[in-house]
Amino acid sequence: MQGISHFLSPSPSLRHPSPSGRGDGGKGYEIIRIGACDDDITPDIAALEAAIDENTTLVTLSHVVFKSGYLYDMRRITELAHAKSALVLWDLSHSVGSVPIHLDECGVDLAIGCTYKYLNGGPGAPAFLYVNKKIQEKLSSPIWGWWGQKNPFDFDLDYTPASGAQRFLAGTQPMISLLTMEAALEPTLQAGMEAIRKKSILMTEFASFLTESWLVPFGFSLGSPVDSAKRGSHISIRHADGYRINRALIEEMNVIPDFRAPDNIRLGFAPLYISFAEIWEGFDRIRRVMEEKRYGKYPQQKLTVT
């Protein structure tokens, strides 16, 4: 499911203001979600473009779709929304650190993301946000904290937000996590995003080749765009027994993918430290799971974390 929305949602969505009584629970808005046109791989771009109109307030999209890895054209969608006087909020969680991102050049209004994936921060690493300077003074955070207050040491009972991006801070920052990010980001800065993206494309192309060559005979299909220009740094491989196969890979083969319903095994490739030899080895282990039917012993019932 893809789409457009006034508020951030797991799927991109689009929200229109609407009169109370239009089935929106009296909230005064309408959320429109946009589906996919090829079995949940590629968002229905035509439907997305048609849904953005003069009533649209905010378009929210994941730059790289979390399930299939589809990569949106950030500049095109942002320009389309702006032509209708709508703001755009991009979720960069699955693209930052693996895909070059040009927020200022694309005229992006808002962006959010995490640092624990391709930016190497690990579990508990801080999130981030981007607010275009043109609108910083027009917006306020719904989460108030003393770091976002204009004069925090006045301890005023009335909250006055600080100027600029500082107004979006809340409480005291997680200092240890922030310090580790300095070391985590250094390899990315040294390698450069163009080189990282070049290797990322080669890695997902290699993984797609191994899927077609080795896994299709076992009933797998590629759940990601074939065109590398429209793909981030992960691919999904699909199988009717995907969940049980995923369990076998984790429990027995020391391969750690994740499962996304209904049948996606998601494989992420961090260009900074994953090698082509490791990709080959990982896919060989998937092939062994299928040849030896190791997944057969695992139930269909899913664990809490997949």
C-alpha atoms as a PDB file:
ATOM      1  CA  MET A   1       0.000   0.000   0.000  1.00  0.00           C
ATOM      2  CA  GLN A   2       1.332   3.423  -0.971  1.00  0.00           C
ATOM      3  CA  GLY A   3      -0.275   6.845  -0.791  1.00  0.00           C
ATOM      4  CA  ILE A   4      -0.512  10.435   0.469  1.00  0.00           C
ATOM      5  CA  SER A   5      -1.433  11.817   3.955  1.00  0.00           C
ATOM      6  CA  HIS A   6      -1.639  14.799   6.309  1.00  0.00           C
ATOM      7  CA  PHE A   7       0.003  12.789   9.047  1.00  0.00           C
ATOM      8  CA  LEU A   8       2.929  10.407   8.800  1.00  0.00           C
ATOM      9  CA  SER A   9       1.782   6.818   8.443  1.00  0.00           C
ATOM     10  CA  PRO A  10       3.622   3.528   7.769  1.00  0.00           C
ATOM     11  CA  SER A  11       2.367   3.682   4.207  1.00  0.00           C
ATOM     12  CA  PRO A  12       2.692   6.869   2.195  1.00  0.00           C
ATOM     13  CA  SER A  13      -0.685   8.578   2.144  1.00  0.00           C
ATOM     14  CA  LEU A  14      -2.394  11.795   1.213  1.00  0.00           C
ATOM     15  CA  ARG A  15      -4.742  13.822   3.357  1.00  0.00           C
ATOM     16  CA  HIS A  16      -7.361  16.334   2.318  1.00  0.00           C
ATOM     17  CA  PRO A  17      -9.292  18.644   4.643  1.00  0.00           C
ATOM     18  CA  SER A  18     -12.902  17.550   4.641  1.00  0.00           C
ATOM     19  CA  PRO A  19     -16.160  18.709   6.203  1.00  0.00           C
ATOM     20  CA  SER A  20     -17.212  16.849   9.323  1.00  0.00           C
ATOM     21  CA  GLY A  21     -19.531  13.969   8.571  1.00  0.00           C
ATOM     22  CA  ARG A  22     -17.622  12.573   5.574  1.00  0.00           C
ATOM     23  CA  GLY A  23     -16.691   9.375   7.309  1.00  0.00           C
ATOM     24  CA  ASP A  24     -13.600  10.814   8.961  1.00  0.00           C
ATOM     25  CA  GLY A  25     -14.884  10.602  12.530  1.00  0.00           C
ATOM     26  CA  GLY A  26     -15.293  14.371  12.715  1.00  0.00           C
ATOM     27  CA  LYS A  27     -11.553  14.974  12.347  1.00  0.00           C
ATOM     28  CA  GLY A  28     -12.029  17.375   9.456  1.00  0.00           C
ATOM     29  CA  TYR A  29      -9.678  15.636   7.064  1.00  0.00           C
ATOM     30  CA  GLU A  30      -9.471  12.745   4.674  1.00  0.00           C
ATOM     31  CA  ILE A  31      -6.563  10.325   4.279  1.00  0.00           C
ATOM     32  CA  ILE A  32      -6.040   8.735   0.876  1.00  0.00           C
ATOM     33  CA  ARG A  33      -3.786   5.696   0.566  1.00  0.00           C
ATOM     34  CA  ILE A  34      -2.368   4.699  -2.776  1.00  0.00           C
ATOM     35  CA  GLY A  35      -1.933   1.047  -3.737  1.00  0.00           C
ATOM     36  CA  ALA A  36       0.607  -0.744  -5.900  1.00  0.00           C
ATOM     37  CA  CYS A  37       0.203  -1.655  -9.546  1.00  0.00           C
ATOM     38  CA  ASP A  38       2.246  -4.878  -9.649  1.00  0.00           C
ATOM     39  CA  ASP A  39       1.607  -7.068  -6.621  1.00  0.00           C
ATOM     40  CA  ASP A  40       2.856  -4.589  -4.020  1.00  0.00           C
ATOM     41  CA  ILE A  41       6.232  -3.889  -5.673  1.00  0.00           C
ATOM     42  CA  THR A  42       5.798  -0.559  -7.467  1.00  0.00           C
ATOM     43  CA  PRO A  43       3.534   2.197  -6.110  1.00  0.00           C
ATOM     44  CA  ASP A  44       0.749   3.261  -8.442  1.00  0.00           C
ATOM     45  CA  ILE A  45       2.411   6.517  -9.471  1.00  0.00           C
ATOM     46  CA  ALA A  46      -0.449   7.520 -11.766  1.00  0.00           C
ATOM     47  CA  ALA A  47      -2.925   7.185  -8.887  1.00  0.00           C
ATOM     48  CA  LEU A  48      -0.568   9.087  -6.614  1.00  0.00           C
ATOM     49  CA  GLU A  49      -0.274  11.977  -9.040  1.00  0.00           C
ATOM     50  CA  ALA A  50      -4.020  12.045  -9.633  1.00  0.00           C
ATOM     51  CA  ALA A  51      -4.719  12.157  -5.897  1.00  0.00           C
ATOM     52  CA  ILE A  52      -2.613  15.267  -5.318  1.00  0.00           C
ATOM     53  CA  ASP A  53      -4.876  18.227  -5.947  1.00  0.00           C
ATOM     54  CA  GLU A  54      -5.690  21.727  -4.643  1.00  0.00           C
ATOM     55  CA  ASN A  55      -7.226  20.243  -1.480  1.00  0.00           C
ATOM     56  CA  THR A  56      -4.083  18.356  -0.514  1.00  0.00           C
ATOM     57  CA  THR A  57      -2.255  19.663   2.537  1.00  0.00           C
ATOM     58  CA  LEU A  58       0.579  17.174   3.038  1.00  0.00           C
ATOM     59  CA  VAL A  59       2.084  14.303   1.064  1.00  0.00           C
ATOM     60  CA  THR A  60       4.010  11.719   3.100  1.00  0.00           C
ATOM     61  CA  LEU A  61       6.139   9.071   1.422  1.00  0.00           C
ATOM     62  CA  SER A  62       8.954   6.692   2.260  1.00  0.00           C
ATOM     63  CA  HIS A  63      11.824   7.604  -0.069  1.00  0.00           C
ATOM     64  CA  VAL A  64      12.643   3.893  -0.303  1.00  0.00           C
ATOM     65  CA  VAL A  65       9.602   1.701   0.351  1.00  0.00           C
ATOM     66  CA  PHE A  66      10.273  -0.526   3.340  1.00  0.00           C
ATOM     67  CA  LYS A  67       9.005  -3.752   1.786  1.00  0.00           C
ATOM     68  CA  SER A  68       9.938  -3.807  -1.900  1.00  0.00           C
ATOM     69  CA  GLY A  69      12.791  -1.300  -1.872  1.00  0.00           C
ATOM     70  CA  TYR A  70      11.152   0.885  -4.525  1.00  0.00           C
ATOM     71  CA  LEU A  71      12.927   4.257  -4.798  1.00  0.00           C
ATOM     72  CA  TYR A  72      10.729   7.299  -5.416  1.00  0.00           C
ATOM     73  CA  ASP A  73      11.785  10.186  -7.637  1.00  0.00           C
ATOM     74  CA  MET A  74      12.045  12.743  -4.830  1.00  0.00           C
ATOM     75  CA  ARG A  75      12.382  15.793  -7.037  1.00  0.00           C
ATOM     76  CA  ARG A  76       9.440  14.913  -9.282  1.00  0.00           C
ATOM     77  CA  ILE A  77       6.995  14.131  -6.477  1.00  0.00           C
ATOM     78  CA  THR A  78       8.035  17.185  -4.467  1.00  0.00           C
ATOM     79  CA  GLU A  79       7.571  19.482  -7.458  1.00  0.00           C
ATOM     80  CA  LEU A  80       4.190  17.919  -8.190  1.00  0.00           C
ATOM     81  CA  ALA A  81       3.013  18.516  -4.617  1.00  0.00           C
ATOM     82  CA  HIS A  82       4.313  22.080  -4.586  1.00  0.00           C
ATOM     83  CA  ALA A  83       2.462  22.794  -7.815  1.00  0.00           C
ATOM     84  CA  LYS A  84      -0.720  22.102  -5.826  1.00  0.00           C
ATOM     85  CA  SER A  85       0.526  24.113  -2.801  1.00  0.00           C
ATOM     86  CA  ALA A  86       0.989  20.980  -0.677  1.00  0.00           C
ATOM     87  CA  LEU A  87       3.880  20.252   1.657  1.00  0.00           C
ATOM     88  CA  VAL A  88       5.911  17.030   1.418  1.00  0.00           C
ATOM     89  CA  LEU A  89       7.308  14.917   4.238  1.00  0.00           C
ATOM     90  CA  TRP A  90       9.845  12.251   3.257  1.00  0.00           C
ATOM     91  CA  ASP A  91      10.744   9.269   5.455  1.00  0.00           C
ATOM     92  CA  LEU A  92      14.437   8.591   4.769  1.00  0.00           C
ATOM     93  CA  SER A  93      14.830   5.583   7.065  1.00  0.00           C
ATOM     94  CA  HIS A  94      15.557   3.121   4.251  1.00  0.00           C
ATOM     95  CA  SER A  95      17.534   5.453   2.002  1.00  0.00           C
ATOM     96  CA  VAL A  96      19.834   7.627   4.116  1.00  0.00           C
ATOM     97  CA  GLY A  97      23.348   6.223   3.977  1.00  0.00           C
ATOM     98  CA  SER A  98      22.720   4.118   0.872  1.00  0.00           C
ATOM     99  CA  VAL A  99      21.205   6.559  -1.640  1.00  0.00           C
ATOM    100  CA  PRO A 100      22.373  10.133  -2.357  1.00  0.00           C
ATOM    101  CA  ILE A 101      19.760  12.545  -0.988  1.00  0.00           C
ATOM    102  CA  HIS A 102      19.512  16.221  -1.959  1.00  0.00           C
ATOM    103  CA  LEU A 103      16.830  17.755   0.240  1.00  0.00           C
ATOM    104  CA  ASP A 104      17.700  21.387  -0.442  1.00  0.00           C
ATOM    105  CA  GLU A 105      18.084  20.894  -4.192  1.00  0.00           C
ATOM    106  CA  CYS A 106      14.742  19.107  -4.389  1.00  0.00           C
ATOM    107  CA  GLY A 107      13.018  21.799  -2.328  1.00  0.00           C
ATOM    108  CA  VAL A 108      11.872  19.302   0.306  1.00  0.00           C
ATOM    109  CA  ASP A 109       9.800  20.720   3.144  1.00  0.00           C
ATOM    110  CA  LEU A 110      10.162  18.061   5.822  1.00  0.00           C
ATOM    111  CA  ALA A 111      12.070  14.822   6.328  1.00  0.00           C
ATOM    112  CA  ILE A 112      12.606  12.309   9.098  1.00  0.00           C
ATOM    113  CA  GLY A 113      14.794   9.253   9.402  1.00  0.00           C
ATOM    114  CA  CYS A 114      16.763   6.887  11.584  1.00  0.00           C
ATOM    115  CA  THR A 115      20.489   6.284  11.984  1.00  0.00           C
ATOM    116  CA  TYR A 116      20.514   2.638  13.036  1.00  0.00           C
ATOM    117  CA  LYS A 117      20.406   1.191   9.506  1.00  0.00           C
ATOM    118  CA  TYR A 118      22.829   2.342   6.799  1.00  0.00           C
ATOM    119  CA  LEU A 119      24.334   5.047   9.008  1.00  0.00           C
ATOM    120  CA  ASN A 120      25.690   2.302  11.294  1.00  0.00           C
ATOM    121  CA  GLY A 121      24.278   3.669  14.553  1.00  0.00           C
ATOM    122  CA  GLY A 122      22.902   0.334  15.751  1.00  0.00           C
ATOM    123  CA  PRO A 123      19.932  -0.300  18.071  1.00  0.00           C
ATOM    124  CA  GLY A 124      18.918   2.747  20.094  1.00  0.00           C
ATOM    125  CA  ALA A 125      20.669   5.213  17.793  1.00  0.00           C
ATOM    126  CA  PRO A 126      19.007   8.647  17.605  1.00  0.00           C
ATOM    127  CA  ALA A 127      16.518   9.625  14.931  1.00  0.00           C
ATOM    128  CA  PHE A 128      16.682  12.892  13.023  1.00  0.00           C
ATOM    129  CA  LEU A 129      14.450  15.397  11.304  1.00  0.00           C
ATOM    130  CA  TYR A 130      14.851  18.048   8.626  1.00  0.00           C
ATOM    131  CA  VAL A 131      12.723  21.175   8.404  1.00  0.00           C
ATOM    132  CA  ASN A 132      13.265  23.569   5.517  1.00  0.00           C
ATOM    133  CA  LYS A 133      14.388  26.986   6.749  1.00  0.00           C
ATOM    134  CA  LYS A 134      11.542  28.609   4.836  1.00  0.00           C
ATOM    135  CA  ILE A 135       8.938  27.067   7.131  1.00  0.00           C
ATOM    136  CA  GLN A 136      10.748  26.584  10.447  1.00  0.00           C
ATOM    137  CA  GLU A 137       9.187  29.624  12.091  1.00  0.00           C
ATOM    138  CA  LYS A 138       5.723  28.651  10.850  1.00  0.00           C
ATOM    139  CA  LEU A 139       5.712  25.225  12.500  1.00  0.00           C
ATOM    140  CA  SER A 140       5.842  24.065  16.096  1.00  0.00           C
ATOM    141  CA  SER A 141       6.462  20.706  17.689  1.00  0.00           C
ATOM    142  CA  PRO A 142       3.561  18.985  19.469  1.00  0.00           C
ATOM    143  CA  ILE A 143       6.141  17.544  21.919  1.00  0.00           C
ATOM    144  CA  TRP A 144       7.392  20.275  24.218  1.00  0.00           C
ATOM    145  CA  GLY A 145      10.655  20.010  26.118  1.00  0.00           C
ATOM    146  CA  TRP A 146      13.095  22.373  27.724  1.00  0.00           C
ATOM    147  CA  TRP A 147      15.654  22.065  24.920  1.00  0.00           C
ATOM    148  CA  GLY A 148      13.070  23.394  22.496  1.00  0.00           C
ATOM    149  CA  GLN A 149      12.122  26.375  24.643  1.00  0.00           C
ATOM    150  CA  LYS A 150      13.322  29.880  23.790  1.00  0.00           C
ATOM    151  CA  ASN A 151      14.881  30.565  27.190  1.00  0.00           C
ATOM    152  CA  PRO A 152      15.098  27.173  28.907  1.00  0.00           C
ATOM    153  CA  PHE A 153      16.788  28.445  32.063  1.00  0.00           C
ATOM    154  CA  ASP A 154      14.035  30.944  32.737  1.00  0.00           C
ATOM    155  CA  PHE A 155      11.894  27.939  33.735  1.00  0.00           C
ATOM    156  CA  ASP A 156       8.840  29.864  32.607  1.00  0.00           C
ATOM    157  CA  LEU A 157       5.521  28.082  33.091  1.00  0.00           C
ATOM    158  CA  ASP A 158       4.393  29.368  29.683  1.00  0.00           C
ATOM    159  CA  TYR A 159       6.112  27.595  26.809  1.00  0.00           C
ATOM    160  CA  THR A 160       7.663  29.761  24.069  1.00  0.00           C
ATOM    161  CA  PRO A 161       9.418  27.813  21.284  1.00  0.00           C
ATOM    162  CA  ALA A 162      12.976  28.686  20.311  1.00  0.00           C
ATOM    163  CA  SER A 163      13.814  30.079  16.902  1.00  0.00           C
ATOM    164  CA  GLY A 164      14.826  27.897  13.972  1.00  0.00           C
ATOM    165  CA  ALA A 165      15.360  24.164  14.117  1.00  0.00           C
ATOM    166  CA  GLN A 166      15.990  24.224  17.874  1.00  0.00           C
ATOM    167  CA  ARG A 167      12.233  24.498  18.475  1.00  0.00           C
ATOM    168  CA  PHE A 168      11.864  20.865  17.370  1.00  0.00           C
ATOM    169  CA  LEU A 169      14.090  19.552  20.162  1.00  0.00           C
ATOM    170  CA  ALA A 170      12.437  18.089  23.236  1.00  0.00           C
ATOM    171  CA  GLY A 171      14.339  16.773  26.247  1.00  0.00           C
ATOM    172  CA  THR A 172      18.033  16.227  26.859  1.00  0.00           C
ATOM    173  CA  GLN A 173      19.661  14.390  23.972  1.00  0.00           C
ATOM    174  CA  PRO A 174      20.993  10.810  24.361  1.00  0.00           C
ATOM    175  CA  MET A 175      24.605  11.925  24.631  1.00  0.00           C
ATOM    176  CA  ILE A 176      26.276   8.491  24.516  1.00  0.00           C
ATOM    177  CA  SER A 177      24.327   7.522  21.404  1.00  0.00           C
ATOM    178  CA  LEU A 178      25.188  10.838  19.770  1.00  0.00           C
ATOM    179  CA  LEU A 179      28.882  10.377  20.515  1.00  0.00           C
ATOM    180  CA  THR A 180      28.926   6.922  18.941  1.00  0.00           C
ATOM    181  CA  MET A 181      27.356   8.424  15.807  1.00  0.00           C
ATOM    182  CA  GLU A 182      30.509  10.468  15.233  1.00  0.00           C
ATOM    183  CA  ALA A 183      32.490   7.273  14.696  1.00  0.00           C
ATOM    184  CA  ALA A 184      29.610   5.588  12.865  1.00  0.00           C
ATOM    185  CA  LEU A 185      29.353   8.381  10.288  1.00  0.00           C
ATOM    186  CA  GLU A 186      33.075   8.732   9.601  1.00  0.00           C
ATOM    187  CA  PRO A 187      33.334   5.752   7.160  1.00  0.00           C
ATOM    188  CA  THR A 188      30.366   7.119   5.193  1.00  0.00           C
ATOM    189  CA  LEU A 189      31.988  10.527   4.907  1.00  0.00           C
ATOM    190  CA  GLN A 190      35.292   8.992   3.831  1.00  0.00           C
ATOM    191  CA  ALA A 191      33.756   6.716   1.204  1.00  0.00           C
ATOM    192  CA  GLY A 192      31.339   9.299  -0.212  1.00  0.00           C
ATOM    193  CA  MET A 193      27.739   8.696  -1.201  1.00  0.00           C
ATOM    194  CA  GLU A 194      28.404   8.325  -4.928  1.00  0.00           C
ATOM    195  CA  ALA A 195      30.790   5.406  -4.335  1.00  0.00           C
ATOM    196  CA  ILE A 196      28.417   3.876  -1.794  1.00  0.00           C
ATOM    197  CA  ARG A 197      25.494   4.078  -4.203  1.00  0.00           C
ATOM    198  CA  LYS A 198      27.550   2.559  -7.025  1.00  0.00           C
ATOM    199  CA  LYS A 199      28.431  -0.469  -4.898  1.00  0.00           C
ATOM    200  CA  SER A 200      24.857  -0.709  -3.592  1.00  0.00           C
ATOM    201  CA  ILE A 201      23.514  -1.010  -7.141  1.00  0.00           C
ATOM    202  CA  LEU A 202      26.042  -3.722  -8.000  1.00  0.00           C
ATOM    203  CA  MET A 203      25.156  -5.642  -4.825  1.00  0.00           C
ATOM    204  CA  THR A 204      21.391  -5.605  -5.391  1.00  0.00           C
ATOM    205  CA  GLU A 205      21.935  -6.543  -9.043  1.00  0.00           C
ATOM    206  CA  PHE A 206      24.070  -9.502  -7.943  1.00  0.00           C
ATOM    207  CA  ALA A 207      21.445 -10.540  -5.391  1.00  0.00           C
ATOM    208  CA  SER A 208      18.710 -10.266  -8.025  1.00  0.00           C
ATOM    209  CA  PHE A 209      20.800 -12.414 -10.398  1.00  0.00           C
ATOM    210  CA  LEU A 210      21.268 -15.103  -7.735  1.00  0.00           C
ATOM    211  CA  THR A 211      17.542 -15.021  -7.002  1.00  0.00           C
ATOM    212  CA  GLU A 212      16.711 -15.676 -10.650  1.00  0.00           C
ATOM    213  CA  SER A 213      19.488 -18.242 -11.128  1.00  0.00           C
ATOM    214  CA  TRP A 214      19.303 -20.226  -7.903  1.00  0.00           C
ATOM    215  CA  LEU A 215      16.007 -19.573  -6.130  1.00  0.00           C
ATOM    216  CA  VAL A 216      13.319 -19.232  -8.796  1.00  0.00           C
ATOM    217  CA  PRO A 217      13.408 -23.030  -9.387  1.00  0.00           C
ATOM    218  CA  PHE A 218      12.381 -23.443  -5.728  1.00  0.00           C
ATOM    219  CA  GLY A 219       9.322 -21.206  -6.143  1.00  0.00           C
ATOM    220  CA  PHE A 220      10.845 -17.842  -5.259  1.00  0.00           C
ATOM    221  CA  SER A 221      10.164 -14.601  -7.098  1.00  0.00           C
ATOM    222  CA  LEU A 222      11.799 -11.185  -6.887  1.00  0.00           C
ATOM    223  CA  GLY A 223       9.687  -8.786  -4.821  1.00  0.00           C
ATOM    224  CA  SER A 224      11.634  -5.653  -5.774  1.00  0.00           C
ATOM    225  CA  PRO A 225      11.950  -3.477  -8.887  1.00  0.00           C
ATOM    226  CA  VAL A 226      14.119  -4.971 -11.619  1.00  0.00           C
ATOM    227  CA  ASP A 227      15.442  -1.540 -12.602  1.00  0.00           C
ATOM    228  CA  SER A 228      18.283  -0.662 -10.192  1.00  0.00           C
ATOM    229  CA  ALA A 229      17.601   3.066 -10.689  1.00  0.00           C
ATOM    230  CA  LYS A 230      14.252   2.497  -8.945  1.00  0.00           C
ATOM    231  CA  ARG A 231      15.601   0.370  -6.097  1.00  0.00           C
ATOM    232  CA  GLY A 232      17.273   1.154  -2.782  1.00  0.00           C
ATOM    233  CA  SER A 233      19.855  -1.051  -1.067  1.00  0.00           C
ATOM    234  CA  HIS A 234      17.610  -3.943  -0.123  1.00  0.00           C
ATOM    235  CA  ILE A 235      15.594  -6.493  -2.047  1.00  0.00           C
ATOM    236  CA  SER A 236      12.704  -8.726  -1.114  1.00  0.00           C
ATOM    237  CA  ILE A 237      12.496 -12.312  -2.257  1.00  0.00           C
ATOM    238  CA  ARG A 238       9.042 -13.862  -2.088  1.00  0.00           C
ATOM    239  CA  HIS A 239       7.894 -17.401  -1.356  1.00  0.00           C
ATOM    240  CA  ALA A 240       4.666 -18.946  -0.100  1.00  0.00           C
ATOM    241  CA  ASP A 241       6.650 -20.451   2.812  1.00  0.00           C
ATOM    242  CA  GLY A 242       8.624 -17.257   3.320  1.00  0.00           C
ATOM    243  CA  TYR A 243       8.101 -17.060   7.076  1.00  0.00           C
ATOM    244  CA  ARG A 244       9.272 -20.611   7.759  1.00  0.00           C
ATOM    245  CA  ILE A 245      12.235 -20.182   5.409  1.00  0.00           C
ATOM    246  CA  ASN A 246      13.126 -16.997   7.249  1.00  0.00           C
ATOM    247  CA  ARG A 247      13.057 -18.874  10.577  1.00  0.00           C
ATOM    248  CA  ALA A 248      15.326 -21.609   9.222  1.00  0.00           C
ATOM    249  CA  LEU A 249      17.838 -19.062   7.950  1.00  0.00           C
ATOM    250  CA  ILE A 250      18.008 -17.354  11.352  1.00  0.00           C
ATOM    251  CA  GLU A 251      17.966 -20.456  13.534  1.00  0.00           C
ATOM    252  CA  GLU A 252      20.249 -22.727  11.510  1.00  0.00           C
ATOM    253  CA  MET A 253      22.195 -20.841   8.859  1.00  0.00           C
ATOM    254  CA  ASN A 254      23.377 -17.666  10.628  1.00  0.00           C
ATOM    255  CA  VAL A 255      21.665 -15.551   7.959  1.00  0.00           C
ATOM    256  CA  ILE A 256      19.616 -12.731   9.517  1.00  0.00           C
ATOM    257  CA  PRO A 257      16.963 -11.368   7.142  1.00  0.00           C
ATOM    258  CA  ASP A 258      13.541 -10.231   8.236  1.00  0.00           C
ATOM    259  CA  PHE A 259      10.072 -11.266   7.169  1.00  0.00           C
ATOM    260  CA  ARG A 260       7.346  -8.901   6.007  1.00  0.00           C
ATOM    261  CA  ALA A 261       3.851 -10.234   5.380  1.00  0.00           C
ATOM    262  CA  PRO A 262       2.507 -11.807   3.396  1.00  0.00           C
ATOM    263  CA  ASP A 263       5.511 -13.589   1.846  1.00  0.00           C
ATOM    264  CA  ASN A 264       8.535 -11.263   1.734  1.00  0.00           C
ATOM    265  CA  ILE A 265      12.004 -12.148   2.987  1.00  0.00           C
ATOM    266  CA  ARG A 266      13.853  -8.853   3.074  1.00  0.00           C
ATOM    267  CA  LEU A 267      17.612  -8.773   2.534  1.00  0.00           C
ATOM    268  CA  GLY A 268      19.524  -5.543   3.167  1.00  0.00           C
ATOM    269  CA  PHE A 269      23.017  -4.844   1.843  1.00  0.00           C
ATOM    270  CA  ALA A 270      25.137  -2.243   3.636  1.00  0.00           C
ATOM    271  CA  PRO A 271      27.730  -1.265   1.008  1.00  0.00           C
ATOM    272  CA  LEU A 272      30.342  -0.100   3.525  1.00  0.00           C
ATOM    273  CA  TYR A 273      31.004  -3.492   5.042  1.00  0.00           C
ATOM    274  CA  ILE A 274      29.143  -6.278   3.218  1.00  0.00           C
ATOM    275  CA  SER A 275      31.108  -8.054   0.494  1.00  0.00           C
ATOM    276  CA  PHE A 276      30.012  -9.774  -2.701  1.00  0.00           C
ATOM    277  CA  ALA A 277      31.448 -13.011  -1.308  1.00  0.00           C
ATOM    278  CA  GLU A 278      29.110 -12.721   1.681  1.00  0.00           C
ATOM    279  CA  ILE A 279      26.137 -12.204  -0.645  1.00  0.00           C
ATOM    280  CA  TRP A 280      27.127 -15.327  -2.581  1.00  0.00           C
ATOM    281  CA  GLU A 281      27.487 -17.290   0.657  1.00  0.00           C
ATOM    282  CA  GLY A 282      24.169 -16.025   2.000  1.00  0.00           C
ATOM    283  CA  PHE A 283      22.257 -17.039  -1.114  1.00  0.00           C
ATOM    284  CA  ASP A 284      24.001 -20.401  -1.139  1.00  0.00           C
ATOM    285  CA  ARG A 285      22.682 -20.960   2.375  1.00  0.00           C
ATOM    286  CA  ILE A 286      19.167 -20.018   1.262  1.00  0.00           C
ATOM    287  CA  ARG A 287      19.528 -22.558  -1.532  1.00  0.00           C
ATOM    288  CA  ARG A 288      20.637 -25.210   0.975  1.00  0.00           C
ATOM    289  CA  VAL A 289      17.599 -24.501   3.165  1.00  0.00           C
ATOM    290  CA  MET A 290      15.411 -25.228   0.147  1.00  0.00           C
ATOM    291  CA  GLU A 291      17.331 -28.283  -1.077  1.00  0.00           C
ATOM    292  CA  GLU A 292      17.362 -29.839   2.397  1.00  0.00           C
ATOM    293  CA  LYS A 293      13.835 -28.614   3.249  1.00  0.00           C
ATOM    294  CA  ARG A 294      15.066 -27.312   6.579  1.00  0.00           C
ATOM    295  CA  TYR A 295      12.114 -24.931   6.838  1.00  0.00           C
ATOM    296  CA  GLY A 296       9.669 -27.824   7.111  1.00  0.00           C
ATOM    297  CA  LYS A 297      10.126 -28.213  10.866  1.00  0.00           C
ATOM    298  CA  TYR A 298       9.026 -24.648  11.642  1.00  0.00           C
ATOM    299  CA  PRO A 299       5.364 -23.755  12.274  1.00  0.00           C
ATOM    300  CA  GLN A 300       3.391 -21.209  10.318  1.00  0.00           C
ATOM    301  CA  GLN A 301       2.520 -19.427  13.557  1.00  0.00           C
ATOM    302  CA  LYS A 302       4.624 -16.265  13.718  1.00  0.00           C
ATOM    303  CA  LEU A 303       6.755 -15.026  16.582  1.00  0.00           C
ATOM    304  CA  THR A 304       6.287 -11.460  17.812  1.00  0.00           C
ATOM    305  CA  VAL A 305       9.441 -10.256  16.031  1.00  0.00           C
ATOM    306  CA  THR A 306       9.676 -11.298  12.402  1.00  0.00           C
END
